[in-house]
């Protein structure tokens, strides 16, 4: 199996929550979603640590290929029985967790306030018969984005053009988002549009603790910054979306 297949297999065997995995492996929570969606591949050392947590080991053929092996265990009947019971308990927890994830679909229910982030934006939205417009009302700590794009905050500010209204697809921020991410965002935009135009009925579902997760890659002068963004719609006099963006690294 390659590294991507190895990490997916190990994650399927694990009964740990995303938070516990992140703490024990010393990684960002976003890595879990990247690995399970094959958008990122972990290091050998990370795979080895997870295998050890599961009382397994990886036999490596080269730096990218390997197989999962059971550690040598006491073969007495009592030990084997205890191992089987523990395995069954872990499988039940894993299946319950996966079932909950499927029920959530593309919408998360982890507390929005608990999501870690490197930078954020607050975006106002207004919709009428002529379409949907947006403006970036507030930005926070975009210096972290500037650092990864090897530029300055001052150079990034025109792309955010804080306070000015634009048609949904004409905002200058799109100029530093990769074409693939823009395609992916278009699909999410359709969902947002439906929520926004029917806000009284649908928007309330995204208040409270619910939010949507979106992967967005930024590019400027050949420099790339990959992020995972947690987007929450807030019900107020006008529609406001808060985006918490976490920079992704292996």
Protein backbone atom coordinates (compact mmCIF):
# COMPACT_ATOMS: atom_id res chain seq x y z
CA UNK A 1 0.00 0.00 0.00
CA UNK A 2 1.16 3.55 -0.62
CA UNK A 3 1.24 6.15 2.16
CA UNK A 4 -2.23 7.48 1.33
CA UNK A 5 -3.72 3.98 1.51
CA UNK A 6 -1.83 3.22 4.72
CA UNK A 7 -3.09 6.30 6.58
CA UNK A 8 -6.69 5.70 5.45
CA UNK A 9 -6.54 2.08 6.62
CA UNK A 10 -5.09 3.08 9.99
CA UNK A 11 -7.68 5.83 10.46
CA UNK A 12 -10.43 3.33 9.73
CA UNK A 13 -9.02 1.06 12.43
CA UNK A 14 -8.86 3.88 14.96
CA UNK A 15 -11.67 4.68 17.38
CA UNK A 16 -10.10 8.01 18.38
CA UNK A 17 -11.92 11.26 17.68
CA UNK A 18 -10.40 13.81 15.30
CA UNK A 19 -9.45 15.96 18.28
CA UNK A 20 -7.75 13.08 20.10
CA UNK A 21 -5.88 12.08 16.95
CA UNK A 22 -4.67 15.64 16.46
CA UNK A 23 -3.45 15.83 20.06
CA UNK A 24 -1.72 12.44 20.08
CA UNK A 25 -0.08 12.89 16.66
CA UNK A 26 0.70 16.58 17.21
CA UNK A 27 -1.02 17.62 13.97
CA UNK A 28 -3.73 20.07 12.89
CA UNK A 29 -7.29 18.74 12.81
CA UNK A 30 -7.44 19.74 9.15
CA UNK A 31 -4.89 17.04 8.31
CA UNK A 32 -7.48 14.35 9.07
CA UNK A 33 -9.83 15.66 6.37
CA UNK A 34 -6.96 16.10 3.91
CA UNK A 35 -5.74 12.53 4.40
CA UNK A 36 -9.19 10.92 4.14
CA UNK A 37 -9.90 12.90 0.95
CA UNK A 38 -6.44 12.09 -0.55
CA UNK A 39 -5.58 15.80 -0.79
CA UNK A 40 -2.44 15.34 1.29
CA UNK A 41 -0.08 12.50 2.23
CA UNK A 42 1.45 12.27 5.73
CA UNK A 43 5.09 11.70 6.54
CA UNK A 44 6.42 8.22 7.32
CA UNK A 45 6.98 9.26 10.93
CA UNK A 46 3.33 10.30 11.30
CA UNK A 47 2.11 6.98 9.89
CA UNK A 48 4.47 5.11 12.23
CA UNK A 49 3.19 7.04 15.27
CA UNK A 50 -0.43 6.26 14.41
CA UNK A 51 0.41 2.58 13.88
CA UNK A 52 2.05 2.46 17.32
CA UNK A 53 -1.06 3.98 18.90
CA UNK A 54 -3.06 1.11 17.40
CA UNK A 55 -0.53 -1.55 18.51
CA UNK A 56 0.48 -2.07 14.89
CA UNK A 57 3.68 -1.56 12.92
CA UNK A 58 4.50 -0.62 9.34
CA UNK A 59 6.92 -2.70 7.29
CA UNK A 60 8.34 -0.25 4.74
CA UNK A 61 9.54 -1.43 1.32
CA UNK A 62 10.62 2.09 0.38
CA UNK A 63 9.76 5.63 1.48
CA UNK A 64 6.30 5.49 -0.11
CA UNK A 65 5.24 1.81 0.00
CA UNK A 66 4.63 -0.50 2.93
CA UNK A 67 2.26 -2.86 4.67
CA UNK A 68 0.57 -3.02 8.06
CA UNK A 69 1.65 -5.78 10.42
CA UNK A 70 0.34 -6.90 13.80
CA UNK A 71 2.72 -6.64 16.74
CA UNK A 72 3.62 -9.92 18.43
CA UNK A 73 1.16 -10.59 21.24
CA UNK A 74 0.76 -13.06 24.05
CA UNK A 75 -0.98 -16.04 22.53
CA UNK A 76 -2.76 -17.29 25.63
CA UNK A 77 -6.52 -17.63 25.35
CA UNK A 78 -7.37 -14.99 27.96
CA UNK A 79 -5.24 -12.35 26.24
CA UNK A 80 -6.73 -13.15 22.84
CA UNK A 81 -10.24 -12.90 24.26
CA UNK A 82 -9.50 -9.50 25.81
CA UNK A 83 -8.01 -8.31 22.54
CA UNK A 84 -11.11 -9.40 20.65
CA UNK A 85 -13.43 -7.61 23.09
CA UNK A 86 -11.34 -4.45 22.85
CA UNK A 87 -11.33 -4.63 19.06
CA UNK A 88 -15.10 -5.05 18.96
CA UNK A 89 -15.54 -2.02 21.21
CA UNK A 90 -13.26 0.04 18.99
CA UNK A 91 -15.13 -1.05 15.88
CA UNK A 92 -18.48 -0.10 17.43
CA UNK A 93 -17.14 3.35 18.32
CA UNK A 94 -15.66 3.77 14.85
CA UNK A 95 -18.90 2.79 13.14
CA UNK A 96 -20.88 5.15 15.36
CA UNK A 97 -18.46 7.95 14.52
CA UNK A 98 -18.62 7.25 10.77
CA UNK A 99 -22.41 7.08 10.92
CA UNK A 100 -22.52 10.49 12.60
CA UNK A 101 -20.21 11.91 9.92
CA UNK A 102 -22.44 10.60 7.14
CA UNK A 103 -25.49 12.13 8.76
CA UNK A 104 -23.74 15.51 8.87
CA UNK A 105 -22.90 15.31 5.14
CA UNK A 106 -21.10 18.55 4.14
CA UNK A 107 -22.20 20.39 7.28
CA UNK A 108 -20.21 20.10 10.49
CA UNK A 109 -21.56 20.24 14.04
CA UNK A 110 -18.34 20.67 16.03
CA UNK A 111 -18.50 23.91 18.00
CA UNK A 112 -17.55 26.74 15.66
CA UNK A 113 -15.96 28.62 18.54
CA UNK A 114 -13.54 25.70 19.07
CA UNK A 115 -12.15 25.76 15.53
CA UNK A 116 -8.55 26.94 15.42
CA UNK A 117 -7.63 29.39 12.67
CA UNK A 118 -4.72 31.47 11.39
CA UNK A 119 -6.68 34.30 9.80
CA UNK A 120 -10.30 35.23 9.22
CA UNK A 121 -12.69 37.39 7.22
CA UNK A 122 -16.19 38.64 7.88
CA UNK A 123 -18.24 38.98 4.69
CA UNK A 124 -21.57 40.77 4.18
CA UNK A 125 -23.97 39.38 1.58
CA UNK A 126 -26.98 40.96 -0.08
CA UNK A 127 -29.29 39.39 -2.65
CA UNK A 128 -31.90 40.84 -4.99
CA UNK A 129 -33.36 40.13 -8.42
CA UNK A 130 -30.12 41.28 -10.08
CA UNK A 131 -28.06 38.68 -8.25
CA UNK A 132 -25.88 38.33 -5.18
CA UNK A 133 -23.21 40.80 -4.04
CA UNK A 134 -20.60 40.57 -1.32
CA UNK A 135 -18.14 42.77 0.50
CA UNK A 136 -15.36 41.88 2.90
CA UNK A 137 -16.22 43.89 5.98
CA UNK A 138 -13.49 42.75 8.34
CA UNK A 139 -10.15 40.96 8.09
CA UNK A 140 -8.06 39.54 10.91
CA UNK A 141 -4.40 38.53 10.94
CA UNK A 142 -3.89 38.28 7.16
CA UNK A 143 -0.20 38.63 7.93
CA UNK A 144 -0.11 34.84 8.31
CA UNK A 145 -1.43 34.48 4.74
CA UNK A 146 1.03 37.11 3.49
CA UNK A 147 3.91 35.22 5.12
CA UNK A 148 3.04 31.97 3.34
CA UNK A 149 2.62 33.79 0.02
CA UNK A 150 5.97 35.52 0.63
CA UNK A 151 4.50 38.99 0.34
CA UNK A 152 3.32 41.79 2.66
CA UNK A 153 -0.02 42.67 4.21
CA UNK A 154 0.00 45.92 2.24
CA UNK A 155 0.36 44.01 -1.03
CA UNK A 156 -2.59 41.75 -0.13
CA UNK A 157 -5.01 44.48 0.99
CA UNK A 158 -6.14 45.47 -2.56
CA UNK A 159 -7.28 41.88 -3.17
CA UNK A 160 -9.50 42.01 -0.09
CA UNK A 161 -10.64 45.59 -0.94
CA UNK A 162 -12.28 45.91 2.43
CA UNK A 163 -15.70 47.61 2.52
CA UNK A 164 -16.49 47.67 -1.23
CA UNK A 165 -19.39 45.73 -2.77
CA UNK A 166 -18.80 43.39 -5.75
CA UNK A 167 -20.86 40.88 -7.68
CA UNK A 168 -20.28 37.42 -6.23
CA UNK A 169 -17.81 36.26 -8.91
CA UNK A 170 -16.14 39.62 -9.58
CA UNK A 171 -14.44 40.21 -6.24
CA UNK A 172 -10.66 40.81 -6.58
CA UNK A 173 -9.96 38.14 -3.95
CA UNK A 174 -10.65 35.63 -6.75
CA UNK A 175 -7.42 36.76 -8.44
CA UNK A 176 -5.31 35.05 -5.76
CA UNK A 177 -7.43 31.88 -5.51
CA UNK A 178 -6.33 28.99 -7.74
CA UNK A 179 -8.53 28.03 -10.68
CA UNK A 180 -9.25 24.59 -9.20
CA UNK A 181 -10.31 26.12 -5.90
CA UNK A 182 -12.56 28.57 -7.75
CA UNK A 183 -14.27 25.62 -9.45
CA UNK A 184 -14.77 23.92 -6.10
CA UNK A 185 -16.01 27.17 -4.58
CA UNK A 186 -18.56 27.57 -7.37
CA UNK A 187 -20.26 24.39 -6.17
CA UNK A 188 -20.38 25.71 -2.62
CA UNK A 189 -21.56 29.10 -3.89
CA UNK A 190 -24.65 27.43 -5.32
CA UNK A 191 -25.37 26.03 -1.88
CA UNK A 192 -24.83 29.42 -0.26
CA UNK A 193 -27.03 31.07 -2.87
CA UNK A 194 -29.87 28.70 -2.10
CA UNK A 195 -29.45 29.33 1.61
CA UNK A 196 -29.25 33.09 1.14
CA UNK A 197 -32.24 33.43 -1.19
CA UNK A 198 -34.34 31.27 1.15
CA UNK A 199 -32.73 32.54 4.32
CA UNK A 200 -35.83 32.53 6.49
CA UNK A 201 -36.27 28.80 5.96
CA UNK A 202 -32.75 27.44 5.41
CA UNK A 203 -30.35 29.94 6.93
CA UNK A 204 -31.38 29.28 10.50
CA UNK A 205 -29.88 25.80 10.24
CA UNK A 206 -26.44 27.39 9.94
CA UNK A 207 -26.78 29.50 13.06
CA UNK A 208 -25.81 28.00 16.39
CA UNK A 209 -22.93 25.53 16.08
CA UNK A 210 -23.30 24.49 12.43
CA UNK A 211 -20.94 25.55 9.67
CA UNK A 212 -19.57 24.44 6.29
CA UNK A 213 -15.99 23.30 5.57
CA UNK A 214 -14.29 24.44 2.34
CA UNK A 215 -10.74 23.86 1.04
CA UNK A 216 -9.25 26.97 -0.60
CA UNK A 217 -5.78 27.31 -2.18
CA UNK A 218 -4.26 30.78 -2.62
CA UNK A 219 -1.50 31.57 -5.13
CA UNK A 220 0.55 34.71 -5.72
CA UNK A 221 3.71 35.11 -7.80
CA UNK A 222 4.28 31.35 -7.84
CA UNK A 223 3.83 30.93 -4.10
CA UNK A 224 1.05 28.64 -2.83
CA UNK A 225 -0.84 28.65 0.46
CA UNK A 226 -3.32 25.84 1.12
CA UNK A 227 -6.10 26.42 3.64
CA UNK A 228 -9.17 24.81 5.12
CA UNK A 229 -11.94 27.33 5.85
CA UNK A 230 -14.80 26.99 8.28
CA UNK A 231 -17.73 29.15 7.15
CA UNK A 232 -20.62 30.06 9.41
CA UNK A 233 -23.68 32.09 8.42
CA UNK A 234 -24.87 34.54 11.07
CA UNK A 235 -28.45 35.76 11.07
CA UNK A 236 -28.66 39.51 11.58
CA UNK A 237 -30.20 42.53 9.86
CA UNK A 238 -28.11 41.57 6.85
CA UNK A 239 -26.56 38.22 6.04
CA UNK A 240 -23.02 37.86 7.32
CA UNK A 241 -20.59 34.97 6.83
CA UNK A 242 -17.63 34.46 9.15
CA UNK A 243 -14.73 32.52 7.58
CA UNK A 244 -12.09 31.01 9.84
CA UNK A 245 -9.11 29.93 7.72
CA UNK A 246 -6.48 27.43 8.86
CA UNK A 247 -3.24 27.16 6.91
CA UNK A 248 -2.52 23.53 6.06
CA UNK A 249 0.84 21.89 6.55
CA UNK A 250 1.80 18.23 6.85
